[in-house]
């Protein structure tokens, strides 16, 4: 299944400044693995050392957070939209 993926600004150095890419797979994890094949180094931005999503990375499938569905095993369909959003740290100055 071909899925459109939104790439946030901090990750665009890996994708050649592209803000949207497409990848093929049956689950969110398949899609992320496909992105790694196309753009080596991408998985180091998204996964921790145990190949798990750290708490500061949120992934949305059609505007729904994947942890609310089936996590990385969430099924995707052709035409779905995925967004990978890193949490931003903030504070007062």
PDB file of N, CA and C in Angstrom:
ATOM      1  N   UNK A   1       0.834  -1.181   0.000  1.00  0.00           N
ATOM      2  CA  UNK A   1       0.000   0.000   0.000  1.00  0.00           C
ATOM      3  C   UNK A   1       0.881   1.247   0.000  1.00  0.00           C
ATOM      4  N   UNK A   2       0.617   2.172  -0.885  1.00  0.00           N
ATOM      5  CA  UNK A   2       1.382   3.412  -0.951  1.00  0.00           C
ATOM      6  C   UNK A   2       0.768   4.448  -0.014  1.00  0.00           C
ATOM      7  N   UNK A   3       1.609   5.016   0.840  1.00  0.00           N
ATOM      8  CA  UNK A   3       1.177   5.964   1.857  1.00  0.00           C
ATOM      9  C   UNK A   3       1.980   7.251   1.691  1.00  0.00           C
ATOM     10  N   UNK A   4       1.332   8.396   1.903  1.00  0.00           N
ATOM     11  CA  UNK A   4       2.001   9.693   1.888  1.00  0.00           C
ATOM     12  C   UNK A   4       2.455  10.001   3.313  1.00  0.00           C
ATOM     13  N   UNK A   5       3.706  10.420   3.469  1.00  0.00           N
ATOM     14  CA  UNK A   5       4.262  10.674   4.789  1.00  0.00           C
ATOM     15  C   UNK A   5       4.739  12.114   4.886  1.00  0.00           C
ATOM     16  N   UNK A   6       4.254  12.813   5.923  1.00  0.00           N
ATOM     17  CA  UNK A   6       4.730  14.166   6.216  1.00  0.00           C
ATOM     18  C   UNK A   6       6.031  14.050   7.001  1.00  0.00           C
ATOM     19  N   UNK A   7       7.055  14.761   6.533  1.00  0.00           N
ATOM     20  CA  UNK A   7       8.361  14.768   7.183  1.00  0.00           C
ATOM     21  C   UNK A   7       8.570  16.142   7.824  1.00  0.00           C
ATOM     22  N   UNK A   8       8.749  16.192   9.146  1.00  0.00           N
ATOM     23  CA  UNK A   8       8.940  17.479   9.816  1.00  0.00           C
ATOM     24  C   UNK A   8      10.309  18.086   9.495  1.00  0.00           C
ATOM     25  N   UNK A   9      10.419  19.374   9.665  1.00  0.00           N
ATOM     26  CA  UNK A   9      11.652  20.110   9.338  1.00  0.00           C
ATOM     27  C   UNK A   9      12.927  19.484   9.899  1.00  0.00           C
ATOM     28  N   UNK A  10      12.963  19.065  11.179  1.00  0.00           N
ATOM     29  CA  UNK A  10      14.227  18.526  11.701  1.00  0.00           C
ATOM     30  C   UNK A  10      14.708  17.259  10.988  1.00  0.00           C
ATOM     31  N   UNK A  11      13.814  16.547  10.305  1.00  0.00           N
ATOM     32  CA  UNK A  11      14.172  15.288   9.652  1.00  0.00           C
ATOM     33  C   UNK A  11      14.435  15.453   8.155  1.00  0.00           C
ATOM     34  N   UNK A  12      14.248  16.640   7.633  1.00  0.00           N
ATOM     35  CA  UNK A  12      14.349  16.841   6.181  1.00  0.00           C
ATOM     36  C   UNK A  12      15.776  16.804   5.649  1.00  0.00           C
ATOM     37  N   UNK A  13      16.760  16.883   6.510  1.00  0.00           N
ATOM     38  CA  UNK A  13      18.139  16.746   6.033  1.00  0.00           C
ATOM     39  C   UNK A  13      18.360  15.351   5.456  1.00  0.00           C
ATOM     40  N   UNK A  14      17.657  14.366   5.990  1.00  0.00           N
ATOM     41  CA  UNK A  14      17.773  12.984   5.503  1.00  0.00           C
ATOM     42  C   UNK A  14      17.030  12.816   4.179  1.00  0.00           C
ATOM     43  N   UNK A  15      15.899  13.514   4.009  1.00  0.00           N
ATOM     44  CA  UNK A  15      15.057  13.320   2.821  1.00  0.00           C
ATOM     45  C   UNK A  15      15.348  14.326   1.707  1.00  0.00           C
ATOM     46  N   UNK A  16      16.457  15.011   1.790  1.00  0.00           N
ATOM     47  CA  UNK A  16      16.790  15.982   0.748  1.00  0.00           C
ATOM     48  C   UNK A  16      15.837  17.158   0.729  1.00  0.00           C
ATOM     49  N   UNK A  17      15.426  17.627   1.896  1.00  0.00           N
ATOM     50  CA  UNK A  17      14.530  18.778   2.080  1.00  0.00           C
ATOM     51  C   UNK A  17      13.087  18.515   1.674  1.00  0.00           C
ATOM     52  N   UNK A  18      12.738  17.280   1.371  1.00  0.00           N
ATOM     53  CA  UNK A  18      11.347  16.969   1.000  1.00  0.00           C
ATOM     54  C   UNK A  18      10.465  16.968   2.243  1.00  0.00           C
ATOM     55  N   UNK A  19       9.318  17.663   2.155  1.00  0.00           N
ATOM     56  CA  UNK A  19       8.396  17.663   3.284  1.00  0.00           C
ATOM     57  C   UNK A  19       7.369  16.536   3.192  1.00  0.00           C
ATOM     58  N   UNK A  20       7.177  15.974   2.018  1.00  0.00           N
ATOM     59  CA  UNK A  20       6.303  14.810   1.830  1.00  0.00           C
ATOM     60  C   UNK A  20       7.037  13.781   0.986  1.00  0.00           C
ATOM     61  N   UNK A  21       6.958  12.537   1.419  1.00  0.00           N
ATOM     62  CA  UNK A  21       7.500  11.425   0.648  1.00  0.00           C
ATOM     63  C   UNK A  21       6.437  10.337   0.615  1.00  0.00           C
ATOM     64  N   UNK A  22       6.640   9.310  -0.175  1.00  0.00           N
ATOM     65  CA  UNK A  22       5.725   8.171  -0.149  1.00  0.00           C
ATOM     66  C   UNK A  22       6.532   6.908   0.072  1.00  0.00           C
ATOM     67  N   UNK A  23       5.864   5.934   0.659  1.00  0.00           N
ATOM     68  CA  UNK A  23       6.490   4.649   0.938  1.00  0.00           C
ATOM     69  C   UNK A  23       5.417   3.579   0.852  1.00  0.00           C
ATOM     70  N   UNK A  24       5.876   2.339   0.747  1.00  0.00           N
ATOM     71  CA  UNK A  24       4.970   1.210   0.569  1.00  0.00           C
ATOM     72  C   UNK A  24       5.112   0.258   1.744  1.00  0.00           C
ATOM     73  N   UNK A  25       3.984  -0.280   2.206  1.00  0.00           N
ATOM     74  CA  UNK A  25       3.985  -1.269   3.276  1.00  0.00           C
ATOM     75  C   UNK A  25       2.574  -1.588   3.703  1.00  0.00           C
ATOM     76  N   UNK A  26       2.445  -2.577   4.586  1.00  0.00           N
ATOM     77  CA  UNK A  26       1.133  -2.983   5.093  1.00  0.00           C
ATOM     78  C   UNK A  26       0.852  -2.474   6.494  1.00  0.00           C
ATOM     79  N   UNK A  27       1.914  -2.114   7.234  1.00  0.00           N
ATOM     80  CA  UNK A  27       1.766  -1.591   8.589  1.00  0.00           C
ATOM     81  C   UNK A  27       2.614  -0.326   8.714  1.00  0.00           C
ATOM     82  N   UNK A  28       2.406   0.405   9.798  1.00  0.00           N
ATOM     83  CA  UNK A  28       3.223   1.596  10.050  1.00  0.00           C
ATOM     84  C   UNK A  28       4.698   1.203  10.130  1.00  0.00           C
ATOM     85  N   UNK A  29       4.988   0.095  10.788  1.00  0.00           N
ATOM     86  CA  UNK A  29       6.382  -0.347  10.886  1.00  0.00           C
ATOM     87  C   UNK A  29       6.970  -0.644   9.508  1.00  0.00           C
ATOM     88  N   UNK A  30       6.191  -1.291   8.636  1.00  0.00           N
ATOM     89  CA  UNK A  30       6.651  -1.534   7.258  1.00  0.00           C
ATOM     90  C   UNK A  30       6.977  -0.219   6.553  1.00  0.00           C
ATOM     91  N   UNK A  31       6.119   0.768   6.746  1.00  0.00           N
ATOM     92  CA  UNK A  31       6.318   2.075   6.112  1.00  0.00           C
ATOM     93  C   UNK A  31       7.618   2.705   6.610  1.00  0.00           C
ATOM     94  N   UNK A  32       7.842   2.669   7.925  1.00  0.00           N
ATOM     95  CA  UNK A  32       9.065   3.250   8.478  1.00  0.00           C
ATOM     96  C   UNK A  32      10.301   2.511   7.979  1.00  0.00           C
ATOM     97  N   UNK A  33      10.213   1.193   7.860  1.00  0.00           N
ATOM     98  CA  UNK A  33      11.333   0.420   7.312  1.00  0.00           C
ATOM     99  C   UNK A  33      11.574   0.777   5.847  1.00  0.00           C
ATOM    100  N   UNK A  34      10.499   1.008   5.100  1.00  0.00           N
ATOM    101  CA  UNK A  34      10.613   1.398   3.696  1.00  0.00           C
ATOM    102  C   UNK A  34      11.279   2.770   3.565  1.00  0.00           C
ATOM    103  N   UNK A  35      10.944   3.676   4.480  1.00  0.00           N
ATOM    104  CA  UNK A  35      11.583   4.995   4.468  1.00  0.00           C
ATOM    105  C   UNK A  35      13.084   4.837   4.710  1.00  0.00           C
ATOM    106  N   UNK A  36      13.450   3.972   5.648  1.00  0.00           N
ATOM    107  CA  UNK A  36      14.874   3.735   5.927  1.00  0.00           C
ATOM    108  C   UNK A  36      15.597   3.210   4.692  1.00  0.00           C
ATOM    109  N   UNK A  37      14.942   2.351   3.920  1.00  0.00           N
ATOM    110  CA  UNK A  37      15.557   1.829   2.693  1.00  0.00           C
ATOM    111  C   UNK A  37      15.787   2.948   1.673  1.00  0.00           C
ATOM    112  N   UNK A  38      14.824   3.874   1.590  1.00  0.00           N
ATOM    113  CA  UNK A  38      14.939   4.986   0.642  1.00  0.00           C
ATOM    114  C   UNK A  38      15.906   6.063   1.122  1.00  0.00           C
ATOM    115  N   UNK A  39      15.901   6.295   2.435  1.00  0.00           N
ATOM    116  CA  UNK A  39      16.685   7.376   3.036  1.00  0.00           C
ATOM    117  C   UNK A  39      17.471   6.821   4.224  1.00  0.00           C
ATOM    118  N   UNK A  40      18.612   6.179   3.956  1.00  0.00           N
ATOM    119  CA  UNK A  40      19.405   5.585   5.037  1.00  0.00           C
ATOM    120  C   UNK A  40      19.716   6.601   6.138  1.00  0.00           C
ATOM    121  N   UNK A  41      19.559   6.159   7.371  1.00  0.00           N
ATOM    122  CA  UNK A  41      19.768   7.022   8.528  1.00  0.00           C
ATOM    123  C   UNK A  41      18.475   7.514   9.135  1.00  0.00           C
ATOM    124  N   UNK A  42      17.371   7.379   8.401  1.00  0.00           N
ATOM    125  CA  UNK A  42      16.089   7.876   8.896  1.00  0.00           C
ATOM    126  C   UNK A  42      15.673   7.171  10.188  1.00  0.00           C
ATOM    127  N   UNK A  43      15.879   5.857  10.264  1.00  0.00           N
ATOM    128  CA  UNK A  43      15.427   5.107  11.443  1.00  0.00           C
ATOM    129  C   UNK A  43      16.126   5.575  12.714  1.00  0.00           C
ATOM    130  N   UNK A  44      17.355   6.095  12.600  1.00  0.00           N
ATOM    131  CA  UNK A  44      18.056   6.594  13.780  1.00  0.00           C
ATOM    132  C   UNK A  44      17.382   7.846  14.345  1.00  0.00           C
ATOM    133  N   UNK A  45      16.628   8.540  13.517  1.00  0.00           N
ATOM    134  CA  UNK A  45      15.896   9.718  13.981  1.00  0.00           C
ATOM    135  C   UNK A  45      14.595   9.337  14.672  1.00  0.00           C
ATOM    136  N   UNK A  46      14.037   8.189  14.309  1.00  0.00           N
ATOM    137  CA  UNK A  46      12.701   7.809  14.766  1.00  0.00           C
ATOM    138  C   UNK A  46      12.723   6.754  15.873  1.00  0.00           C
ATOM    139  N   UNK A  47      13.639   5.791  15.795  1.00  0.00           N
ATOM    140  CA  UNK A  47      13.670   4.683  16.751  1.00  0.00           C
ATOM    141  C   UNK A  47      14.803   4.838  17.756  1.00  0.00           C
ATOM    142  N   UNK A  48      14.624   4.198  18.939  1.00  0.00           N
ATOM    143  CA  UNK A  48      15.717   4.126  19.902  1.00  0.00           C
ATOM    144  C   UNK A  48      16.583   2.905  19.589  1.00  0.00           C
ATOM    145  N   UNK A  49      17.517   2.580  20.478  1.00  0.00           N
ATOM    146  CA  UNK A  49      18.453   1.476  20.242  1.00  0.00           C
ATOM    147  C   UNK A  49      17.760   0.115  20.171  1.00  0.00           C
ATOM    148  N   UNK A  50      16.589  -0.024  20.800  1.00  0.00           N
ATOM    149  CA  UNK A  50      15.833  -1.279  20.782  1.00  0.00           C
ATOM    150  C   UNK A  50      14.800  -1.319  19.655  1.00  0.00           C
ATOM    151  N   UNK A  51      14.901  -0.405  18.704  1.00  0.00           N
ATOM    152  CA  UNK A  51      13.965  -0.288  17.575  1.00  0.00           C
ATOM    153  C   UNK A  51      12.529  -0.062  18.072  1.00  0.00           C
ATOM    154  N   UNK A  52      12.411   0.762  19.112  1.00  0.00           N
ATOM    155  CA  UNK A  52      11.109   1.159  19.646  1.00  0.00           C
ATOM    156  C   UNK A  52      10.979   2.670  19.478  1.00  0.00           C
ATOM    157  N   UNK A  53       9.724   3.128  19.437  1.00  0.00           N
ATOM    158  CA  UNK A  53       9.497   4.572  19.337  1.00  0.00           C
ATOM    159  C   UNK A  53       9.717   5.213  20.696  1.00  0.00           C
ATOM    160  N   UNK A  54      10.606   6.187  20.795  1.00  0.00           N
ATOM    161  CA  UNK A  54      10.765   6.890  22.064  1.00  0.00           C
ATOM    162  C   UNK A  54       9.562   7.805  22.319  1.00  0.00           C
ATOM    163  N   UNK A  55       9.396   8.215  23.556  1.00  0.00           N
ATOM    164  CA  UNK A  55       8.247   9.027  23.938  1.00  0.00           C
ATOM    165  C   UNK A  55       8.141  10.359  23.229  1.00  0.00           C
ATOM    166  N   UNK A  56       9.248  10.872  22.712  1.00  0.00           N
ATOM    167  CA  UNK A  56       9.202  12.193  22.071  1.00  0.00           C
ATOM    168  C   UNK A  56       8.853  12.131  20.584  1.00  0.00           C
ATOM    169  N   UNK A  57       8.598  10.937  20.049  1.00  0.00           N
ATOM    170  CA  UNK A  57       8.191  10.794  18.648  1.00  0.00           C
ATOM    171  C   UNK A  57       6.730  10.363  18.600  1.00  0.00           C
ATOM    172  N   UNK A  58       5.914  11.160  17.954  1.00  0.00           N
ATOM    173  CA  UNK A  58       4.498  10.825  17.776  1.00  0.00           C
ATOM    174  C   UNK A  58       4.244  10.572  16.299  1.00  0.00           C
ATOM    175  N   UNK A  59       3.499   9.511  16.029  1.00  0.00           N
ATOM    176  CA  UNK A  59       3.156   9.183  14.646  1.00  0.00           C
ATOM    177  C   UNK A  59       1.644   9.153  14.528  1.00  0.00           C
ATOM    178  N   UNK A  60       1.144   9.855  13.533  1.00  0.00           N
ATOM    179  CA  UNK A  60      -0.291   9.959  13.296  1.00  0.00           C
ATOM    180  C   UNK A  60      -0.634   9.331  11.954  1.00  0.00           C
ATOM    181  N   UNK A  61      -1.669   8.515  11.955  1.00  0.00           N
ATOM    182  CA  UNK A  61      -2.203   7.939  10.730  1.00  0.00           C
ATOM    183  C   UNK A  61      -3.564   8.562  10.508  1.00  0.00           C
ATOM    184  N   UNK A  62      -3.692   9.331   9.443  1.00  0.00           N
ATOM    185  CA  UNK A  62      -4.952  10.028   9.149  1.00  0.00           C
ATOM    186  C   UNK A  62      -5.436  10.810  10.367  1.00  0.00           C
ATOM    187  N   UNK A  63      -4.514  11.540  10.993  1.00  0.00           N
ATOM    188  CA  UNK A  63      -4.778  12.415  12.142  1.00  0.00           C
ATOM    189  C   UNK A  63      -5.100  11.686  13.437  1.00  0.00           C
ATOM    190  N   UNK A  64      -4.881  10.379  13.512  1.00  0.00           N
ATOM    191  CA  UNK A  64      -5.087   9.632  14.755  1.00  0.00           C
ATOM    192  C   UNK A  64      -3.747   9.062  15.205  1.00  0.00           C
ATOM    193  N   UNK A  65      -3.404   9.306  16.476  1.00  0.00           N
ATOM    194  CA  UNK A  65      -2.137   8.838  17.017  1.00  0.00           C
ATOM    195  C   UNK A  65      -2.110   7.307  16.997  1.00  0.00           C
ATOM    196  N   UNK A  66      -1.032   6.708  16.493  1.00  0.00           N
ATOM    197  CA  UNK A  66      -1.014   5.250  16.298  1.00  0.00           C
ATOM    198  C   UNK A  66      -1.048   4.472  17.606  1.00  0.00           C
ATOM    199  N   UNK A  67      -0.620   5.078  18.732  1.00  0.00           N
ATOM    200  CA  UNK A  67      -0.699   4.373  20.019  1.00  0.00           C
ATOM    201  C   UNK A  67      -2.152   4.121  20.410  1.00  0.00           C
ATOM    202  N   UNK A  68      -3.066   4.916  19.871  1.00  0.00           N
ATOM    203  CA  UNK A  68      -4.498   4.723  20.134  1.00  0.00           C
ATOM    204  C   UNK A  68      -5.080   3.613  19.268  1.00  0.00           C
ATOM    205  N   UNK A  69      -4.316   3.147  18.293  1.00  0.00           N
ATOM    206  CA  UNK A  69      -4.793   2.095  17.385  1.00  0.00           C
ATOM    207  C   UNK A  69      -4.013   0.827  17.749  1.00  0.00           C
ATOM    208  N   UNK A  70      -3.051   0.447  16.936  1.00  0.00           N
ATOM    209  CA  UNK A  70      -2.255  -0.760  17.203  1.00  0.00           C
ATOM    210  C   UNK A  70      -0.759  -0.484  17.183  1.00  0.00           C
ATOM    211  N   UNK A  71      -0.375   0.747  17.497  1.00  0.00           N
ATOM    212  CA  UNK A  71       1.041   1.082  17.519  1.00  0.00           C
ATOM    213  C   UNK A  71       1.692   0.863  16.163  1.00  0.00           C
ATOM    214  N   UNK A  72       2.901   0.342  16.188  1.00  0.00           N
ATOM    215  CA  UNK A  72       3.634   0.119  14.940  1.00  0.00           C
ATOM    216  C   UNK A  72       2.977  -0.927  14.053  1.00  0.00           C
ATOM    217  N   UNK A  73       2.135  -1.774  14.630  1.00  0.00           N
ATOM    218  CA  UNK A  73       1.445  -2.814  13.849  1.00  0.00           C
ATOM    219  C   UNK A  73       0.133  -2.317  13.240  1.00  0.00           C
ATOM    220  N   UNK A  74      -0.155  -1.029  13.377  1.00  0.00           N
ATOM    221  CA  UNK A  74      -1.348  -0.444  12.774  1.00  0.00           C
ATOM    222  C   UNK A  74      -1.319  -0.663  11.268  1.00  0.00           C
ATOM    223  N   UNK A  75      -2.393  -1.193  10.740  1.00  0.00           N
ATOM    224  CA  UNK A  75      -2.503  -1.457   9.298  1.00  0.00           C
ATOM    225  C   UNK A  75      -2.701  -0.143   8.546  1.00  0.00           C
ATOM    226  N   UNK A  76      -2.126  -0.077   7.354  1.00  0.00           N
ATOM    227  CA  UNK A  76      -2.309   1.087   6.489  1.00  0.00           C
ATOM    228  C   UNK A  76      -2.956   0.646   5.183  1.00  0.00           C
ATOM    229  N   UNK A  77      -3.618   1.610   4.550  1.00  0.00           N
ATOM    230  CA  UNK A  77      -4.240   1.369   3.243  1.00  0.00           C
ATOM    231  C   UNK A  77      -3.685   2.377   2.251  1.00  0.00           C
ATOM    232  N   UNK A  78      -3.761   2.021   0.998  1.00  0.00           N
ATOM    233  CA  UNK A  78      -3.303   2.913  -0.053  1.00  0.00           C
ATOM    234  C   UNK A  78      -4.043   4.243   0.056  1.00  0.00           C
ATOM    235  N   UNK A  79      -3.302   5.338  -0.006  1.00  0.00           N
ATOM    236  CA  UNK A  79      -3.897   6.663   0.097  1.00  0.00           C
ATOM    237  C   UNK A  79      -3.896   7.230   1.504  1.00  0.00           C
ATOM    238  N   UNK A  80      -3.551   6.412   2.511  1.00  0.00           N
ATOM    239  CA  UNK A  80      -3.477   6.921   3.878  1.00  0.00           C
ATOM    240  C   UNK A  80      -2.383   7.976   3.979  1.00  0.00           C
ATOM    241  N   UNK A  81      -2.488   8.792   5.038  1.00  0.00           N
ATOM    242  CA  UNK A  81      -1.480   9.810   5.298  1.00  0.00           C
ATOM    243  C   UNK A  81      -0.884   9.583   6.673  1.00  0.00           C
ATOM    244  N   UNK A  82       0.437   9.591   6.723  1.00  0.00           N
ATOM    245  CA  UNK A  82       1.174   9.391   7.960  1.00  0.00           C
ATOM    246  C   UNK A  82       1.934  10.674   8.260  1.00  0.00           C
ATOM    247  N   UNK A  83       1.973  11.060   9.522  1.00  0.00           N
ATOM    248  CA  UNK A  83       2.759  12.225   9.939  1.00  0.00           C
ATOM    249  C   UNK A  83       3.652  11.803  11.094  1.00  0.00           C
ATOM    250  N   UNK A  84       4.922  12.119  10.989  1.00  0.00           N
ATOM    251  CA  UNK A  84       5.897  11.806  12.028  1.00  0.00           C
ATOM    252  C   UNK A  84       6.262  13.127  12.688  1.00  0.00           C
ATOM    253  N   UNK A  85       5.913  13.253  13.971  1.00  0.00           N
ATOM    254  CA  UNK A  85       6.063  14.534  14.656  1.00  0.00           C
ATOM    255  C   UNK A  85       6.920  14.361  15.909  1.00  0.00           C
ATOM    256  N   UNK A  86       8.106  14.983  15.938  1.00  0.00           N
ATOM    257  CA  UNK A  86       8.900  14.954  17.168  1.00  0.00           C
ATOM    258  C   UNK A  86       8.371  16.016  18.133  1.00  0.00           C
ATOM    259  N   UNK A  87       8.329  15.667  19.417  1.00  0.00           N
ATOM    260  CA  UNK A  87       7.907  16.641  20.425  1.00  0.00           C
ATOM    261  C   UNK A  87       8.981  17.716  20.536  1.00  0.00           C
ATOM    262  N   UNK A  88       8.554  18.926  20.739  1.00  0.00           N
ATOM    263  CA  UNK A  88       9.479  20.042  20.893  1.00  0.00           C
ATOM    264  C   UNK A  88       9.598  20.391  22.363  1.00  0.00           C
ATOM    265  N   UNK A  89      10.803  20.603  22.816  1.00  0.00           N
ATOM    266  CA  UNK A  89      11.024  21.030  24.187  1.00  0.00           C
ATOM    267  C   UNK A  89      10.859  22.541  24.243  1.00  0.00           C
ATOM    268  N   UNK A  90      10.396  23.001  25.359  1.00  0.00           N
ATOM    269  CA  UNK A  90      10.217  24.442  25.479  1.00  0.00           C
ATOM    270  C   UNK A  90      10.359  24.882  26.916  1.00  0.00           C
ATOM    271  N   UNK A  91      10.242  26.131  27.117  1.00  0.00           N
ATOM    272  CA  UNK A  91      10.360  26.678  28.455  1.00  0.00           C
ATOM    273  C   UNK A  91      10.304  28.188  28.386  1.00  0.00           C
ATOM    274  N   UNK A  92      10.514  28.805  29.516  1.00  0.00           N
ATOM    275  CA  UNK A  92      10.496  30.260  29.556  1.00  0.00           C
ATOM    276  C   UNK A  92      11.919  30.777  29.504  1.00  0.00           C
ATOM    277  N   UNK A  93      12.040  31.989  29.034  1.00  0.00           N
ATOM    278  CA  UNK A  93      13.370  32.604  28.946  1.00  0.00           C
ATOM    279  C   UNK A  93      13.459  33.749  29.906  1.00  0.00           C
TER     280      UNK A  93
END
